[in-house]
C-alpha atoms as a PDB file:
ATOM      1  CA  MET A   1       0.831  22.962 -44.153  1.00  0.00           C
ATOM      2  CA  GLU A   2      -0.467  22.263 -47.653  1.00  0.00           C
ATOM      3  CA  ASP A   3      -4.336  23.129 -47.762  1.00  0.00           C
ATOM      4  CA  ALA A   4      -5.382  19.719 -49.299  1.00  0.00           C
ATOM      5  CA  ALA A   5      -4.292  18.102 -45.790  1.00  0.00           C
ATOM      6  CA  LEU A   6      -7.208  20.529 -43.891  1.00  0.00           C
ATOM      7  CA  SER A   7      -9.971  18.841 -44.826  1.00  0.00           C
ATOM      8  CA  LEU A   8     -13.338  18.069 -42.625  1.00  0.00           C
ATOM      9  CA  ASN A   9     -13.587  14.455 -44.428  1.00  0.00           C
ATOM     10  CA  ARG A  10     -15.695  11.322 -43.779  1.00  0.00           C
ATOM     11  CA  GLU A  11     -13.645   8.669 -42.261  1.00  0.00           C
ATOM     12  CA  GLY A  12     -12.171   6.081 -44.346  1.00  0.00           C
ATOM     13  CA  GLU A  13     -13.198   8.184 -47.593  1.00  0.00           C
ATOM     14  CA  ALA A  14      -9.997   8.547 -50.382  1.00  0.00           C
ATOM     15  CA  GLY A  15      -8.676  12.033 -50.921  1.00  0.00           C
ATOM     16  CA  ALA A  16      -5.326  13.404 -49.843  1.00  0.00           C
ATOM     17  CA  ASP A  17      -4.820  13.698 -46.042  1.00  0.00           C
ATOM     18  CA  PRO A  18      -8.385  12.961 -44.991  1.00  0.00           C
ATOM     19  CA  ILE A  19      -9.297  14.749 -41.592  1.00  0.00           C
ATOM     20  CA  SER A  20     -12.491  13.639 -39.976  1.00  0.00           C
ATOM     21  CA  PRO A  21     -14.301  16.446 -37.825  1.00  0.00           C
ATOM     22  CA  PHE A  22     -13.900  14.132 -34.951  1.00  0.00           C
ATOM     23  CA  GLY A  23     -10.221  14.804 -34.602  1.00  0.00           C
ATOM     24  CA  LYS A  24      -8.792  11.769 -36.646  1.00  0.00           C
ATOM     25  CA  GLN A  25      -6.715  11.679 -39.843  1.00  0.00           C
ATOM     26  CA  GLY A  26      -5.415   9.362 -42.068  1.00  0.00           C
ATOM     27  CA  SER A  27      -5.433   7.595 -45.227  1.00  0.00           C
ATOM     28  CA  ASN A  28      -5.719   3.780 -45.543  1.00  0.00           C
ATOM     29  CA  SER A  29      -3.864   3.617 -48.608  1.00  0.00           C
ATOM     30  CA  GLY A  30      -0.015   3.064 -48.746  1.00  0.00           C
ATOM     31  CA  SER A  31       0.439   3.687 -44.877  1.00  0.00           C
ATOM     32  CA  ASP A  32       0.400   0.292 -43.066  1.00  0.00           C
ATOM     33  CA  TRP A  33       2.813  -0.064 -40.214  1.00  0.00           C
ATOM     34  CA  THR A  34       5.927  -1.831 -40.821  1.00  0.00           C
ATOM     35  CA  ARG A  35       6.309  -4.265 -37.812  1.00  0.00           C
ATOM     36  CA  ILE A  36       9.907  -6.152 -36.905  1.00  0.00           C
ATOM     37  CA  ARG A  37      10.909  -8.018 -34.040  1.00  0.00           C
ATOM     38  CA  ILE A  38      13.986  -6.957 -31.767  1.00  0.00           C
ATOM     39  CA  ALA A  39      16.525  -9.750 -32.424  1.00  0.00           C
ATOM     40  CA  ARG A  40      19.728  -8.032 -31.010  1.00  0.00           C
ATOM     41  CA  ILE A  41      20.696  -4.883 -29.615  1.00  0.00           C
ATOM     42  CA  GLU A  42      21.661  -3.402 -32.854  1.00  0.00           C
ATOM     43  CA  ASP A  43      18.059  -3.514 -34.024  1.00  0.00           C
ATOM     44  CA  LEU A  44      17.217  -0.701 -31.511  1.00  0.00           C
ATOM     45  CA  SER A  45      19.280   2.147 -33.380  1.00  0.00           C
ATOM     46  CA  ASP A  46      16.159   2.588 -35.211  1.00  0.00           C
ATOM     47  CA  ALA A  47      14.513   2.818 -32.032  1.00  0.00           C
ATOM     48  CA  VAL A  48      12.830   6.278 -33.581  1.00  0.00           C
ATOM     49  CA  LEU A  49      12.798   5.800 -37.794  1.00  0.00           C
ATOM     50  CA  GLY A  50      16.143   7.063 -39.404  1.00  0.00           C
ATOM     51  CA  ALA A  51      17.184   7.942 -36.025  1.00  0.00           C
ATOM     52  CA  GLY A  52      20.643   5.868 -36.118  1.00  0.00           C
ATOM     53  CA  LEU A  53      21.036   6.054 -32.121  1.00  0.00           C
ATOM     54  CA  GLU A  54      23.809   4.626 -29.833  1.00  0.00           C
ATOM     55  CA  ALA A  55      22.469   1.447 -28.232  1.00  0.00           C
ATOM     56  CA  VAL A  56      23.815  -0.009 -25.315  1.00  0.00           C
ATOM     57  CA  GLN A  57      22.678  -3.681 -23.757  1.00  0.00           C
ATOM     58  CA  MET A  58      22.776  -3.042 -19.794  1.00  0.00           C
ATOM     59  CA  SER A  59      21.874  -6.150 -18.874  1.00  0.00           C
ATOM     60  CA  SER A  60      22.880  -9.900 -19.739  1.00  0.00           C
ATOM     61  CA  ALA A  61      19.159 -11.234 -20.715  1.00  0.00           C
ATOM     62  CA  PRO A  62      18.634 -11.235 -24.320  1.00  0.00           C
ATOM     63  CA  VAL A  63      17.161  -7.913 -25.716  1.00  0.00           C
ATOM     64  CA  THR A  64      13.586  -8.880 -27.566  1.00  0.00           C
ATOM     65  CA  GLY A  65      10.346  -6.429 -28.022  1.00  0.00           C
ATOM     66  CA  SER A  66       9.336  -5.202 -31.341  1.00  0.00           C
ATOM     67  CA  LEU A  67       9.625  -2.001 -33.511  1.00  0.00           C
ATOM     68  CA  ALA A  68       6.670  -0.727 -35.648  1.00  0.00           C
ATOM     69  CA  PHE A  69       7.071   2.639 -38.015  1.00  0.00           C
ATOM     70  CA  ALA A  70       4.788   4.423 -40.439  1.00  0.00           C
ATOM     71  CA  ASP A  71       5.891   6.877 -42.780  1.00  0.00           C
ATOM     72  CA  HIS A  72       2.979   9.036 -44.079  1.00  0.00           C
ATOM     73  CA  ASP A  73       3.168  12.454 -45.846  1.00  0.00           C
ATOM     74  CA  GLY A  74       6.219  13.275 -44.503  1.00  0.00           C
ATOM     75  CA  LEU A  75       5.349  12.313 -40.831  1.00  0.00           C
ATOM     76  CA  LEU A  76       7.517   9.965 -39.432  1.00  0.00           C
ATOM     77  CA  PHE A  77       5.603   7.513 -36.965  1.00  0.00           C
ATOM     78  CA  SER A  78       7.638   5.056 -34.380  1.00  0.00           C
ATOM     79  CA  THR A  79       7.004   2.935 -31.317  1.00  0.00           C
ATOM     80  CA  GLY A  80       8.807   0.274 -29.609  1.00  0.00           C
ATOM     81  CA  LEU A  81       8.134  -2.624 -26.828  1.00  0.00           C
ATOM     82  CA  ILE A  82      11.330  -3.091 -25.065  1.00  0.00           C
ATOM     83  CA  GLY A  83      11.837  -6.284 -23.535  1.00  0.00           C
ATOM     84  CA  GLY A  84      15.381  -5.625 -22.256  1.00  0.00           C
ATOM     85  CA  ARG A  85      17.140  -2.963 -20.188  1.00  0.00           C
ATOM     86  CA  VAL A  86      18.789  -0.791 -22.919  1.00  0.00           C
ATOM     87  CA  ALA A  87      20.345   2.653 -23.133  1.00  0.00           C
ATOM     88  CA  LEU A  88      19.765   4.910 -26.135  1.00  0.00           C
ATOM     89  CA  ARG A  89      21.760   7.990 -27.265  1.00  0.00           C
ATOM     90  CA  GLY A  90      22.059  10.593 -29.763  1.00  0.00           C
ATOM     91  CA  PRO A  91      19.844  12.984 -32.008  1.00  0.00           C
ATOM     92  CA  LEU A  92      16.037  11.635 -33.187  1.00  0.00           C
ATOM     93  CA  SER A  93      16.444  14.207 -36.088  1.00  0.00           C
ATOM     94  CA  GLU A  94      18.557  16.884 -37.307  1.00  0.00           C
ATOM     95  CA  THR A  95      15.826  18.837 -38.858  1.00  0.00           C
ATOM     96  CA  MET A  96      12.594  17.915 -37.445  1.00  0.00           C
ATOM     97  CA  VAL A  97      11.156  18.128 -34.101  1.00  0.00           C
ATOM     98  CA  THR A  98      10.262  14.570 -32.370  1.00  0.00           C
ATOM     99  CA  LEU A  99       7.421  14.545 -30.023  1.00  0.00           C
ATOM    100  CA  GLY A 100       7.172  11.301 -27.888  1.00  0.00           C
ATOM    101  CA  ILE A 101       5.022   9.604 -25.185  1.00  0.00           C
ATOM    102  CA  GLY A 102       5.535   7.303 -22.181  1.00  0.00           C
ATOM    103  CA  VAL A 103       2.648   4.679 -23.566  1.00  0.00           C
ATOM    104  CA  ARG A 104       3.569   1.502 -20.505  1.00  0.00           C
ATOM    105  CA  LEU A 105       6.858   2.815 -18.819  1.00  0.00           C
ATOM    106  CA  ALA A 106       8.239   0.074 -16.616  1.00  0.00           C
ATOM    107  CA  GLY A 107       9.644   1.418 -13.185  1.00  0.00           C
ATOM    108  CA  GLY A 108      13.313   2.894 -13.590  1.00  0.00           C
ATOM    109  CA  THR A 109      12.962   4.539 -17.165  1.00  0.00           C
ATOM    110  CA  ARG A 110      14.601   7.159 -17.462  1.00  0.00           C
ATOM    111  CA  HIS A 111      15.259  10.160 -19.820  1.00  0.00           C
ATOM    112  CA  TRP A 112      18.051  12.700 -19.227  1.00  0.00           C
ATOM    113  CA  LEU A 113      18.940  10.275 -16.361  1.00  0.00           C
ATOM    114  CA  LYS A 114      15.774  11.637 -14.638  1.00  0.00           C
ATOM    115  CA  GLU A 115      12.910   8.763 -13.880  1.00  0.00           C
ATOM    116  CA  VAL A 116       9.982   8.846 -16.228  1.00  0.00           C
ATOM    117  CA  THR A 117       6.814   7.347 -16.023  1.00  0.00           C
ATOM    118  CA  THR A 118       3.534   6.023 -18.220  1.00  0.00           C
ATOM    119  CA  GLY A 119       2.033   9.215 -19.602  1.00  0.00           C
ATOM    120  CA  ASP A 120       5.288  11.966 -19.616  1.00  0.00           C
ATOM    121  CA  CYS A 121       5.439  13.458 -22.424  1.00  0.00           C
ATOM    122  CA  GLY A 122       9.023  13.965 -24.328  1.00  0.00           C
ATOM    123  CA  ILE A 123      10.051  16.799 -26.793  1.00  0.00           C
ATOM    124  CA  PHE A 124      12.951  16.424 -28.788  1.00  0.00           C
ATOM    125  CA  MET A 125      14.216  19.419 -30.394  1.00  0.00           C
ATOM    126  CA  PRO A 126      16.370  19.087 -33.892  1.00  0.00           C
ATOM    127  CA  GLY A 127      20.204  18.124 -33.282  1.00  0.00           C
ATOM    128  CA  ASP A 128      19.369  17.984 -29.584  1.00  0.00           C
ATOM    129  CA  GLU A 129      20.760  14.537 -27.808  1.00  0.00           C
ATOM    130  CA  HIS A 130      18.014  12.148 -26.594  1.00  0.00           C
ATOM    131  CA  ASP A 131      19.257  10.169 -23.537  1.00  0.00           C
ATOM    132  CA  ALA A 132      17.240   7.476 -22.363  1.00  0.00           C
ATOM    133  CA  LEU A 133      17.291   4.128 -20.280  1.00  0.00           C
ATOM    134  CA  TYR A 134      14.463   1.851 -20.695  1.00  0.00           C
ATOM    135  CA  THR A 135      13.529  -0.704 -18.797  1.00  0.00           C
ATOM    136  CA  PRO A 136      12.000  -4.539 -19.770  1.00  0.00           C
ATOM    137  CA  GLY A 137       8.116  -4.105 -20.507  1.00  0.00           C
ATOM    138  CA  SER A 138       8.425  -0.223 -21.764  1.00  0.00           C
ATOM    139  CA  ILE A 139       6.626   0.891 -24.674  1.00  0.00           C
ATOM    140  CA  TYR A 140       6.900   4.103 -26.429  1.00  0.00           C
ATOM    141  CA  ALA A 141       5.244   6.198 -29.335  1.00  0.00           C
ATOM    142  CA  SER A 142       6.878   9.086 -31.127  1.00  0.00           C
ATOM    143  CA  VAL A 143       6.296  11.146 -34.113  1.00  0.00           C
ATOM    144  CA  THR A 144       8.710  13.381 -36.170  1.00  0.00           C
ATOM    145  CA  LEU A 145       7.495  16.153 -38.277  1.00  0.00           C
ATOM    146  CA  SER A 146       8.318  19.973 -39.205  1.00  0.00           C
ATOM    147  CA  PHE A 147       7.436  22.821 -36.964  1.00  0.00           C
ATOM    148  CA  GLU A 148       5.516  24.083 -39.725  1.00  0.00           C
ATOM    149  CA  ARG A 149       3.677  20.936 -40.030  1.00  0.00           C
ATOM    150  CA  LEU A 150       3.135  20.622 -36.048  1.00  0.00           C
ATOM    151  CA  GLU A 151       2.060  24.437 -35.941  1.00  0.00           C
ATOM    152  CA  ALA A 152      -0.499  23.504 -38.806  1.00  0.00           C
ATOM    153  CA  PHE A 153      -1.768  20.492 -37.153  1.00  0.00           C
ATOM    154  CA  ALA A 154      -2.474  22.568 -34.314  1.00  0.00           C
ATOM    155  CA  GLU A 155      -4.146  25.492 -36.157  1.00  0.00           C
ATOM    156  CA  ASP A 156      -6.609  23.058 -37.804  1.00  0.00           C
ATOM    157  CA  ARG A 157      -7.663  22.150 -34.508  1.00  0.00           C
ATOM    158  CA  GLY A 158      -8.226  25.449 -33.315  1.00  0.00           C
ATOM    159  CA  LEU A 159      -5.029  25.671 -31.192  1.00  0.00           C
ATOM    160  CA  THR A 160      -1.934  26.903 -31.003  1.00  0.00           C
ATOM    161  CA  LEU A 161       1.059  24.638 -30.631  1.00  0.00           C
ATOM    162  CA  ASN A 162       4.599  26.247 -31.548  1.00  0.00           C
ATOM    163  CA  LEU A 163       8.028  26.187 -30.749  1.00  0.00           C
ATOM    164  CA  ARG A 164       7.586  28.632 -27.674  1.00  0.00           C
ATOM    165  CA  SER A 165       5.063  26.914 -25.997  1.00  0.00           C
ATOM    166  CA  LEU A 166       6.904  23.341 -26.248  1.00  0.00           C
ATOM    167  CA  GLY A 167       9.745  24.882 -24.006  1.00  0.00           C
ATOM    168  CA  GLY A 168      12.747  23.160 -25.900  1.00  0.00           C
ATOM    169  CA  SER A 169      13.768  19.861 -25.396  1.00  0.00           C
ATOM    170  CA  GLY A 170      12.916  17.717 -22.060  1.00  0.00           C
ATOM    171  CA  VAL A 171      10.037  15.976 -20.470  1.00  0.00           C
ATOM    172  CA  HIS A 172       6.894  18.088 -20.454  1.00  0.00           C
ATOM    173  CA  ALA A 173       5.800  19.249 -16.761  1.00  0.00           C
ATOM    174  CA  ARG A 174       1.823  18.332 -18.016  1.00  0.00           C
ATOM    175  CA  ARG A 175       1.301  14.429 -17.827  1.00  0.00           C
ATOM    176  CA  LEU A 176      -1.418  12.892 -19.837  1.00  0.00           C
ATOM    177  CA  PRO A 177      -4.382  11.848 -18.486  1.00  0.00           C
ATOM    178  CA  ALA A 178      -4.695   8.291 -17.276  1.00  0.00           C
ATOM    179  CA  GLY A 179      -7.792   7.749 -19.670  1.00  0.00           C
ATOM    180  CA  ALA A 180      -5.768   9.156 -23.058  1.00  0.00           C
ATOM    181  CA  VAL A 181      -2.682   6.970 -22.071  1.00  0.00           C
ATOM    182  CA  ASN A 182      -4.867   3.978 -21.603  1.00  0.00           C
ATOM    183  CA  ARG A 183      -6.375   4.469 -24.612  1.00  0.00           C
ATOM    184  CA  LEU A 184      -3.333   4.509 -26.854  1.00  0.00           C
ATOM    185  CA  GLY A 185      -2.011   2.023 -24.404  1.00  0.00           C
ATOM    186  CA  LYS A 186      -3.981  -0.882 -25.603  1.00  0.00           C
ATOM    187  CA  GLN A 187      -4.001   0.098 -29.290  1.00  0.00           C
ATOM    188  CA  PHE A 188      -0.109   0.329 -29.166  1.00  0.00           C
ATOM    189  CA  GLU A 189      -0.055  -3.089 -27.389  1.00  0.00           C
ATOM    190  CA  ALA A 190      -2.439  -4.418 -29.776  1.00  0.00           C
ATOM    191  CA  LEU A 191       0.040  -3.571 -32.717  1.00  0.00           C
ATOM    192  CA  HIS A 192       2.919  -4.728 -31.234  1.00  0.00           C
ATOM    193  CA  ALA A 193       0.886  -8.500 -30.411  1.00  0.00           C
ATOM    194  CA  GLY A 194       0.288  -8.168 -34.203  1.00  0.00           C
ATOM    195  CA  ARG A 195      -3.340  -7.598 -33.848  1.00  0.00           C
ATOM    196  CA  GLN A 196      -5.322  -6.077 -36.119  1.00  0.00           C
ATOM    197  CA  THR A 197      -7.770  -3.390 -34.310  1.00  0.00           C
ATOM    198  CA  TYR A 198      -8.978  -0.148 -35.790  1.00  0.00           C
ATOM    199  CA  GLY A 199      -6.320   2.029 -36.076  1.00  0.00           C
ATOM    200  CA  SER A 200      -3.314  -0.092 -35.755  1.00  0.00           C
ATOM    201  CA  GLY A 201      -2.837  -1.057 -38.942  1.00  0.00           C
ATOM    202  CA  ASN A 202      -2.572   1.947 -40.664  1.00  0.00           C
ATOM    203  CA  ALA A 203      -1.454   5.647 -39.991  1.00  0.00           C
ATOM    204  CA  VAL A 204      -4.892   6.155 -38.181  1.00  0.00           C
ATOM    205  CA  LEU A 205      -3.343   5.315 -34.850  1.00  0.00           C
ATOM    206  CA  GLY A 206      -0.358   7.693 -35.838  1.00  0.00           C
ATOM    207  CA  TYR A 207      -2.472  10.510 -36.662  1.00  0.00           C
ATOM    208  CA  ARG A 208      -4.599   9.857 -33.336  1.00  0.00           C
ATOM    209  CA  PHE A 209      -1.576   9.779 -31.367  1.00  0.00           C
ATOM    210  CA  LEU A 210      -0.189  13.424 -32.780  1.00  0.00           C
ATOM    211  CA  ASP A 211      -4.117  14.625 -31.969  1.00  0.00           C
ATOM    212  CA  THR A 212      -3.635  13.489 -28.491  1.00  0.00           C
ATOM    213  CA  PHE A 213      -0.317  15.032 -27.846  1.00  0.00           C
ATOM    214  CA  ILE A 214      -1.877  18.512 -29.613  1.00  0.00           C
ATOM    215  CA  GLU A 215      -4.962  18.436 -27.586  1.00  0.00           C
ATOM    216  CA  HIS A 216      -3.257  17.912 -24.457  1.00  0.00           C
ATOM    217  CA  LEU A 217      -0.504  20.425 -24.760  1.00  0.00           C
ATOM    218  CA  GLY A 218      -2.078  22.862 -27.243  1.00  0.00           C
ATOM    219  CA  ARG A 219      -3.642  26.261 -26.211  1.00  0.00           C
ATOM    220  CA  ARG A 220      -6.601  28.248 -27.700  1.00  0.00           C
ATOM    221  CA  PRO A 221      -5.008  30.981 -29.546  1.00  0.00           C
ATOM    222  CA  ARG A 222      -5.433  34.491 -27.391  1.00  0.00           C
ATOM    223  CA  THR A 223      -7.587  37.314 -28.749  1.00  0.00           C
ATOM    224  CA  LEU A 224      -5.935  40.102 -29.617  1.00  0.00           C
ATOM    225  CA  VAL A 225      -6.779  43.399 -27.608  1.00  0.00           C
ATOM    226  CA  GLY A 226      -8.706  45.678 -29.470  1.00  0.00           C
ATOM    227  CA  GLY A 227      -8.841  43.458 -32.032  1.00  0.00           C
ATOM    228  CA  LEU A 228     -12.277  42.031 -31.708  1.00  0.00           C
ATOM    229  CA  ASN A 229     -14.765  42.810 -34.256  1.00  0.00           C
ATOM    230  CA  PRO A 230     -18.557  41.338 -32.806  1.00  0.00           C
ATOM    231  CA  ARG A 231     -20.137  42.122 -36.132  1.00  0.00           C
ATOM    232  CA  GLY A 232     -17.565  41.231 -38.693  1.00  0.00           C
ATOM    233  CA  TYR A 233     -17.309  37.713 -36.692  1.00  0.00           C
ATOM    234  CA  ALA A 234     -20.647  37.100 -36.569  1.00  0.00           C
ATOM    235  CA  ARG A 235     -21.374  37.735 -40.284  1.00  0.00           C
ATOM    236  CA  ILE A 236     -18.679  35.001 -40.642  1.00  0.00           C
ATOM    237  CA  VAL A 237     -20.276  32.578 -38.663  1.00  0.00           C
ATOM    238  CA  ALA A 238     -23.263  32.999 -40.234  1.00  0.00           C
ATOM    239  CA  ARG A 239     -22.145  32.790 -44.001  1.00  0.00           C
ATOM    240  CA  ALA A 240     -19.802  29.666 -42.846  1.00  0.00           C
ATOM    241  CA  ARG A 241     -23.069  27.917 -40.840  1.00  0.00           C
ATOM    242  CA  ASP A 242     -25.117  28.374 -43.834  1.00  0.00           C
ATOM    243  CA  PHE A 243     -22.550  26.747 -45.966  1.00  0.00           C
ATOM    244  CA  ILE A 244     -21.963  24.044 -43.310  1.00  0.00           C
ATOM    245  CA  ILE A 245     -25.457  22.980 -43.144  1.00  0.00           C
ATOM    246  CA  GLU A 246     -26.313  23.210 -46.974  1.00  0.00           C
ATOM    247  CA  ASN A 247     -23.259  20.563 -47.399  1.00  0.00           C
ATOM    248  CA  LEU A 248     -23.117  18.698 -44.619  1.00  0.00           C
ATOM    249  CA  ASP A 249     -23.666  15.373 -46.434  1.00  0.00           C
ATOM    250  CA  ARG A 250     -20.249  15.346 -48.258  1.00  0.00           C
ATOM    251  CA  PRO A 251     -16.858  15.929 -47.136  1.00  0.00           C
ATOM    252  CA  LEU A 252     -15.867  19.545 -45.980  1.00  0.00           C
ATOM    253  CA  ARG A 253     -12.346  21.314 -46.067  1.00  0.00           C
ATOM    254  CA  ILE A 254     -11.854  23.856 -43.743  1.00  0.00           C
ATOM    255  CA  ASP A 255     -10.426  26.378 -46.676  1.00  0.00           C
ATOM    256  CA  GLU A 256     -13.754  25.989 -48.519  1.00  0.00           C
ATOM    257  CA  ILE A 257     -15.445  26.883 -45.507  1.00  0.00           C
ATOM    258  CA  ALA A 258     -13.245  29.663 -44.817  1.00  0.00           C
ATOM    259  CA  ARG A 259     -13.973  31.047 -48.676  1.00  0.00           C
ATOM    260  CA  SER A 260     -17.469  30.502 -48.222  1.00  0.00           C
ATOM    261  CA  ALA A 261     -17.184  32.984 -45.280  1.00  0.00           C
ATOM    262  CA  SER A 262     -15.194  35.025 -47.118  1.00  0.00           C
ATOM    263  CA  ALA A 263     -12.487  35.026 -44.477  1.00  0.00           C
ATOM    264  CA  SER A 264      -9.228  33.400 -43.988  1.00  0.00           C
ATOM    265  CA  ARG A 265      -8.742  29.933 -41.991  1.00  0.00           C
ATOM    266  CA  ARG A 266      -7.218  31.950 -38.771  1.00  0.00           C
ATOM    267  CA  SER A 267     -10.558  34.503 -38.839  1.00  0.00           C
ATOM    268  CA  LEU A 268     -12.820  31.152 -39.285  1.00  0.00           C
ATOM    269  CA  TYR A 269     -11.451  29.912 -35.938  1.00  0.00           C
ATOM    270  CA  ARG A 270     -11.512  33.154 -34.252  1.00  0.00           C
ATOM    271  CA  ALA A 271     -15.011  33.651 -35.226  1.00  0.00           C
ATOM    272  CA  PHE A 272     -16.614  30.518 -34.154  1.00  0.00           C
ATOM    273  CA  ASN A 273     -14.501  30.645 -30.703  1.00  0.00           C
ATOM    274  CA  GLU A 274     -16.029  34.206 -30.130  1.00  0.00           C
ATOM    275  CA  VAL A 275     -19.531  33.708 -31.074  1.00  0.00           C
ATOM    276  CA  LEU A 276     -20.276  30.118 -30.662  1.00  0.00           C
ATOM    277  CA  ASP A 277     -17.519  28.875 -28.478  1.00  0.00           C
ATOM    278  CA  GLU A 278     -16.450  26.195 -30.380  1.00  0.00           C
ATOM    279  CA  THR A 279     -14.155  25.257 -33.517  1.00  0.00           C
ATOM    280  CA  PRO A 280     -15.549  24.583 -36.585  1.00  0.00           C
ATOM    281  CA  HIS A 281     -14.337  21.016 -36.197  1.00  0.00           C
ATOM    282  CA  SER A 282     -16.865  20.768 -32.796  1.00  0.00           C
ATOM    283  CA  TYR A 283     -19.771  22.390 -34.871  1.00  0.00           C
ATOM    284  CA  VAL A 284     -19.723  20.140 -37.610  1.00  0.00           C
ATOM    285  CA  ARG A 285     -19.417  16.795 -35.124  1.00  0.00           C
ATOM    286  CA  LYS A 286     -22.590  18.436 -33.219  1.00  0.00           C
ATOM    287  CA  LEU A 287     -24.405  18.770 -36.400  1.00  0.00           C
ATOM    288  CA  ARG A 288     -23.920  15.542 -37.827  1.00  0.00           C
ATOM    289  CA  LEU A 289     -25.072  13.565 -34.299  1.00  0.00           C
ATOM    290  CA  HIS A 290     -27.907  15.753 -34.166  1.00  0.00           C
ATOM    291  CA  ARG A 291     -28.511  14.398 -38.120  1.00  0.00           C
ATOM    292  CA  ILE A 292     -27.830  10.661 -36.681  1.00  0.00           C
ATOM    293  CA  ARG A 293     -30.202  11.385 -33.860  1.00  0.00           C
ATOM    294  CA  SER A 294     -32.954  12.689 -36.609  1.00  0.00           C
ATOM    295  CA  ASP A 295     -32.239   9.367 -38.654  1.00  0.00           C
ATOM    296  CA  LEU A 296     -32.857   7.174 -35.469  1.00  0.00           C
ATOM    297  CA  ALA A 297     -36.483   8.587 -35.131  1.00  0.00           C
ATOM    298  CA  LEU A 298     -37.232   8.216 -38.657  1.00  0.00           C
ATOM    299  CA  ASP A 299     -39.887   5.159 -39.627  1.00  0.00           C
ATOM    300  CA  ALA A 300     -37.978   4.408 -42.758  1.00  0.00           C
ATOM    301  CA  GLU A 301     -34.468   4.534 -40.854  1.00  0.00           C
ATOM    302  CA  ARG A 302     -35.506   2.259 -37.958  1.00  0.00           C
ATOM    303  CA  ALA A 303     -34.883  -0.549 -39.486  1.00  0.00           C
ATOM    304  CA  CYS A 304     -31.288   0.059 -40.276  1.00  0.00           C
ATOM    305  CA  THR A 305     -28.402  -0.510 -37.688  1.00  0.00           C
ATOM    306  CA  ILE A 306     -26.996   2.596 -36.213  1.00  0.00           C
ATOM    307  CA  ALA A 307     -23.569   1.746 -37.954  1.00  0.00           C
ATOM    308  CA  VAL A 308     -25.523   2.405 -41.197  1.00  0.00           C
ATOM    309  CA  ILE A 309     -26.491   5.568 -39.823  1.00  0.00           C
ATOM    310  CA  SER A 310     -23.471   6.605 -38.502  1.00  0.00           C
ATOM    311  CA  ASN A 311     -21.366   5.999 -41.356  1.00  0.00           C
ATOM    312  CA  ARG A 312     -23.617   7.494 -43.351  1.00  0.00           C
ATOM    313  CA  TRP A 313     -22.695  11.021 -41.514  1.00  0.00           C
ATOM    314  CA  GLY A 314     -19.241  10.411 -41.578  1.00  0.00           C
ATOM    315  CA  ILE A 315     -18.746   8.474 -38.134  1.00  0.00           C
ATOM    316  CA  SER A 316     -17.707   5.031 -38.536  1.00  0.00           C
ATOM    317  CA  GLU A 317     -15.944   4.034 -35.372  1.00  0.00           C
ATOM    318  CA  LEU A 318     -19.118   3.241 -32.637  1.00  0.00           C
ATOM    319  CA  GLY A 319     -17.159   3.636 -29.463  1.00  0.00           C
ATOM    320  CA  ARG A 320     -16.419   6.839 -30.586  1.00  0.00           C
ATOM    321  CA  LEU A 321     -19.928   7.722 -31.546  1.00  0.00           C
ATOM    322  CA  SER A 322     -21.463   6.395 -28.595  1.00  0.00           C
ATOM    323  CA  GLY A 323     -19.042   8.790 -26.207  1.00  0.00           C
ATOM    324  CA  TRP A 324     -19.710  11.811 -28.375  1.00  0.00           C
ATOM    325  CA  TYR A 325     -23.628  10.982 -28.328  1.00  0.00           C
ATOM    326  CA  ARG A 326     -23.451  10.544 -24.895  1.00  0.00           C
ATOM    327  CA  GLU A 327     -22.097  13.587 -23.770  1.00  0.00           C
ATOM    328  CA  LEU A 328     -24.197  15.803 -25.913  1.00  0.00           C
ATOM    329  CA  PHE A 329     -27.524  13.875 -25.440  1.00  0.00           C
ATOM    330  CA  GLY A 330     -26.998  12.201 -21.960  1.00  0.00           C
ATOM    331  CA  GLU A 331     -28.013   8.770 -23.699  1.00  0.00           C
ATOM    332  CA  ARG A 332     -26.228   6.312 -26.109  1.00  0.00           C
ATOM    333  CA  PRO A 333     -27.424   6.117 -29.449  1.00  0.00           C
ATOM    334  CA  SER A 334     -28.982   2.658 -28.897  1.00  0.00           C
ATOM    335  CA  GLU A 335     -30.922   4.178 -25.736  1.00  0.00           C
ATOM    336  CA  THR A 336     -32.392   6.784 -28.110  1.00  0.00           C
ATOM    337  CA  LEU A 337     -33.147   3.903 -30.774  1.00  0.00           C
ATOM    338  CA  ALA A 338     -34.981   1.781 -28.350  1.00  0.00           C
ATOM    339  CA  GLN A 339     -37.216   4.862 -26.777  1.00  0.00           C
ATOM    340  CA  TYR A 340     -38.611   5.417 -30.370  1.00  0.00           C
ATOM    341  CA  ARG A 341     -38.977   1.714 -31.230  1.00  0.00           C
ATOM    342  CA  ARG A 342     -40.999   1.421 -28.086  1.00  0.00           C
ATOM    343  CA  LYS A 343     -43.101   4.501 -28.890  1.00  0.00           C
ATOM    344  CA  ALA A 344     -43.467   3.160 -32.100  1.00  0.00           C
ATOM    345  CA  GLY A 345     -44.824  -0.321 -30.690  1.00  0.00           C
ATOM    346  CA  ILE A 346     -41.719  -2.339 -32.303  1.00  0.00           C
ATOM    347  CA  THR A 347     -40.773  -4.771 -29.578  1.00  0.00           C
ATOM    348  CA  SER A 348     -37.888  -6.665 -32.057  1.00  0.00           C
END
């Protein structure tokens, strides 16, 4: 994957393929989802963008629902809400891998003639036959991309997800946890309903889907026996940490952090993992959460809203901020702000 696509950026800022340190990637420019209504069975030949599947109507009731697509920087995102009982067969791509999740699968849905359920993850290798039977009310989501891009996305998150770990075409043994699939489900349901929610009108939702898949099936790189260099790793982390702290108020890129530490990107991840038990992403996130907490305590900042302060440090989605903040500090940002206001004698 190109270096430009591996940035630790503030959410929503312009730039090539910005990725925040909080696990979300996307650009709002030129990346809107295209949503179409399913009016006849032939519409499902493109149930995955560009696949050209054989679609067979299995019930006399009309086939309804909707399809939505986003093509962003070589990543093909597809999702479908199926309002009939239909069978789909054929390769999803001749040259790229497709990753899919059953976002909401109705009873009786099958892949390769085996019943699947909500949260199941499918892997479809290039040229391999996709064989599915969907029942009414099912929602799926998928992304089609090259192996190189998949490995790079995983590496950028400090994880390994490659051809061997995917294990070939089929339904993966590890089902997505209920919490993660419910979050995705609400957003894809909103997309198919035509409601604009954060991440449903642009490629951010697609990248969030890809992040969820990678974080679920990826693993931390194995440390090579005899390859540890604690002193060298400590030097890398020290240099990188100084650079991050000095530049925390601006977008940061993985490659420039690695350069500041005189290390390769891979060595940077290994050093952070070995010394801090963190990825560079999680370390930057925690520092920015601390900056937000500090700003909430300042007299000059207390009149500002939490949204203004969090945006200043690159977090634009208050729901995610609240979750990360509570996980780190044991309380919500609003609770921190209320405590400081009480100490200052501010009652409104």
